[in-house]
N, C-alpha and C. Protein backbone atom coordinates (compact mmCIF):
# COMPACT_ATOMS: atom_id res chain seq x y z
N UNK A 1 5.35 6.57 -30.28
CA UNK A 1 5.36 5.36 -29.48
C UNK A 1 6.64 4.59 -29.78
N UNK A 2 7.28 4.07 -28.75
CA UNK A 2 8.53 3.35 -28.92
C UNK A 2 8.27 1.95 -29.43
N UNK A 3 8.94 1.59 -30.51
CA UNK A 3 8.80 0.25 -31.09
C UNK A 3 10.21 -0.35 -31.17
N UNK A 4 10.40 -1.58 -30.67
CA UNK A 4 11.74 -2.16 -30.73
C UNK A 4 12.18 -2.43 -32.16
N UNK A 5 13.44 -2.12 -32.44
CA UNK A 5 13.96 -2.30 -33.79
C UNK A 5 14.28 -3.76 -34.07
N UNK A 6 14.74 -4.48 -33.03
CA UNK A 6 15.08 -5.88 -33.19
C UNK A 6 14.45 -6.69 -32.08
N UNK A 7 14.35 -7.98 -32.33
CA UNK A 7 13.79 -8.88 -31.32
C UNK A 7 14.76 -9.02 -30.15
N UNK A 8 14.24 -9.00 -28.93
CA UNK A 8 15.09 -9.14 -27.75
C UNK A 8 15.39 -10.63 -27.54
N UNK A 9 16.65 -10.93 -27.27
CA UNK A 9 17.06 -12.32 -27.11
C UNK A 9 16.48 -12.93 -25.84
N UNK A 10 16.50 -14.26 -25.76
CA UNK A 10 15.95 -14.95 -24.59
C UNK A 10 16.72 -14.59 -23.33
N UNK A 11 18.05 -14.51 -23.44
CA UNK A 11 18.84 -14.21 -22.25
C UNK A 11 18.57 -12.80 -21.74
N UNK A 12 18.43 -11.86 -22.66
CA UNK A 12 18.11 -10.48 -22.24
C UNK A 12 16.72 -10.42 -21.64
N UNK A 13 15.78 -11.12 -22.21
CA UNK A 13 14.41 -11.11 -21.69
C UNK A 13 14.37 -11.74 -20.31
N UNK A 14 15.05 -12.86 -20.15
CA UNK A 14 15.01 -13.56 -18.87
C UNK A 14 15.77 -12.80 -17.80
N UNK A 15 16.87 -12.16 -18.16
CA UNK A 15 17.60 -11.38 -17.16
C UNK A 15 16.80 -10.15 -16.73
N UNK A 16 16.01 -9.59 -17.63
CA UNK A 16 15.16 -8.48 -17.28
C UNK A 16 14.02 -8.94 -16.38
N UNK A 17 13.45 -10.10 -16.71
CA UNK A 17 12.34 -10.63 -15.93
C UNK A 17 12.77 -11.14 -14.56
N UNK A 18 14.05 -11.43 -14.39
CA UNK A 18 14.51 -11.94 -13.11
C UNK A 18 14.40 -10.90 -12.01
N UNK A 19 14.22 -9.63 -12.37
CA UNK A 19 14.10 -8.57 -11.38
C UNK A 19 12.66 -8.42 -10.87
N UNK A 20 11.70 -9.11 -11.50
CA UNK A 20 10.31 -9.05 -11.04
C UNK A 20 10.20 -9.87 -9.77
N UNK A 21 9.99 -9.23 -8.65
CA UNK A 21 9.91 -9.94 -7.39
C UNK A 21 8.61 -9.59 -6.69
N UNK A 22 8.10 -10.53 -5.96
CA UNK A 22 6.94 -10.24 -5.13
C UNK A 22 7.43 -9.77 -3.77
N UNK A 23 6.59 -9.01 -3.11
CA UNK A 23 6.97 -8.54 -1.78
C UNK A 23 5.89 -8.96 -0.78
N UNK A 24 6.31 -9.12 0.44
CA UNK A 24 5.38 -9.52 1.51
C UNK A 24 4.48 -8.33 1.81
N UNK A 25 3.15 -8.55 1.88
CA UNK A 25 2.27 -7.41 2.18
C UNK A 25 2.48 -6.92 3.60
N UNK A 26 2.37 -5.60 3.77
CA UNK A 26 2.52 -5.03 5.11
C UNK A 26 1.23 -5.26 5.87
N UNK A 27 1.34 -5.73 7.09
CA UNK A 27 0.19 -6.01 7.92
C UNK A 27 0.24 -5.13 9.16
N UNK A 28 -0.93 -4.69 9.60
CA UNK A 28 -1.06 -3.93 10.84
C UNK A 28 -2.05 -4.65 11.73
N UNK A 29 -2.02 -4.39 13.02
CA UNK A 29 -2.98 -5.03 13.91
C UNK A 29 -4.27 -4.23 13.91
N UNK A 30 -5.36 -4.92 14.08
CA UNK A 30 -6.68 -4.30 14.13
C UNK A 30 -6.76 -3.41 15.37
N UNK A 31 -7.41 -2.24 15.22
CA UNK A 31 -7.50 -1.30 16.34
C UNK A 31 -8.49 -1.76 17.40
N UNK A 32 -9.39 -2.68 17.04
CA UNK A 32 -10.38 -3.18 17.98
C UNK A 32 -9.66 -3.94 19.09
N UNK A 33 -9.87 -3.56 20.34
CA UNK A 33 -9.15 -4.18 21.46
C UNK A 33 -9.53 -5.64 21.64
N UNK A 34 -10.74 -6.02 21.26
CA UNK A 34 -11.16 -7.41 21.39
C UNK A 34 -10.61 -8.28 20.27
N UNK A 35 -10.24 -7.69 19.15
CA UNK A 35 -9.83 -8.46 17.97
C UNK A 35 -8.31 -8.61 17.89
N UNK A 36 -7.60 -7.51 17.61
CA UNK A 36 -6.14 -7.48 17.47
C UNK A 36 -5.60 -8.47 16.44
N UNK A 37 -6.36 -8.74 15.38
CA UNK A 37 -5.91 -9.63 14.31
C UNK A 37 -5.10 -8.83 13.30
N UNK A 38 -4.12 -9.45 12.63
CA UNK A 38 -3.39 -8.73 11.57
C UNK A 38 -4.29 -8.54 10.36
N UNK A 39 -4.19 -7.34 9.75
CA UNK A 39 -5.00 -7.02 8.57
C UNK A 39 -4.21 -6.09 7.68
N UNK A 40 -4.66 -5.93 6.45
CA UNK A 40 -4.04 -4.99 5.53
C UNK A 40 -4.40 -3.57 5.95
N UNK A 41 -3.47 -2.61 5.79
CA UNK A 41 -3.80 -1.24 6.18
C UNK A 41 -4.87 -0.64 5.27
N UNK A 42 -5.69 0.23 5.83
CA UNK A 42 -6.76 0.95 5.13
C UNK A 42 -7.82 0.01 4.57
N UNK A 43 -8.07 -1.11 5.23
CA UNK A 43 -9.12 -2.04 4.82
C UNK A 43 -9.92 -2.46 6.03
N UNK A 44 -11.10 -3.00 5.78
CA UNK A 44 -11.95 -3.51 6.85
C UNK A 44 -11.36 -4.80 7.39
N UNK A 45 -11.40 -4.98 8.69
CA UNK A 45 -10.90 -6.20 9.32
C UNK A 45 -11.84 -7.35 8.97
N UNK A 46 -11.28 -8.45 8.49
CA UNK A 46 -12.11 -9.60 8.10
C UNK A 46 -12.61 -10.35 9.32
N UNK A 47 -11.93 -10.23 10.44
CA UNK A 47 -12.32 -10.99 11.62
C UNK A 47 -13.49 -10.34 12.35
N UNK A 48 -13.42 -9.01 12.55
CA UNK A 48 -14.47 -8.36 13.34
C UNK A 48 -15.33 -7.38 12.54
N UNK A 49 -14.90 -6.98 11.34
CA UNK A 49 -15.71 -6.11 10.49
C UNK A 49 -15.67 -4.64 10.87
N UNK A 50 -14.60 -4.19 11.53
CA UNK A 50 -14.50 -2.78 11.90
C UNK A 50 -13.50 -2.07 11.01
N UNK A 51 -13.72 -0.76 10.85
CA UNK A 51 -12.80 0.11 10.14
C UNK A 51 -12.81 1.46 10.85
N UNK A 52 -11.65 1.94 11.23
CA UNK A 52 -11.53 3.22 11.94
C UNK A 52 -12.37 3.22 13.22
N UNK A 53 -12.30 2.10 13.94
CA UNK A 53 -13.02 1.89 15.21
C UNK A 53 -14.53 2.03 15.06
N UNK A 54 -15.05 1.78 13.88
CA UNK A 54 -16.50 1.78 13.65
C UNK A 54 -16.90 0.45 13.03
N UNK A 55 -18.03 -0.08 13.48
CA UNK A 55 -18.55 -1.34 12.92
C UNK A 55 -19.11 -1.05 11.54
N UNK A 56 -18.50 -1.65 10.51
CA UNK A 56 -18.87 -1.38 9.13
C UNK A 56 -19.59 -2.59 8.52
N UNK A 57 -19.09 -3.78 8.79
CA UNK A 57 -19.64 -5.01 8.20
C UNK A 57 -20.08 -5.91 9.34
N UNK A 58 -21.27 -6.46 9.21
CA UNK A 58 -21.75 -7.41 10.21
C UNK A 58 -21.09 -8.76 9.96
N UNK A 59 -20.48 -9.30 11.00
CA UNK A 59 -19.78 -10.59 10.88
C UNK A 59 -20.57 -11.65 11.60
């Protein structure tokens, strides 16, 4: 297991952490023709409760 030999300085730590960025989630439109709300891919639509053009959750 790798163990650091010396303590990392604040500037090195902060410059390394500055590369941590969040990204905007990719959204797709719901396949339901009546809904067409944006949703996360491969998830159930929160507006109409369908997944893969099948009613999965009662809304």
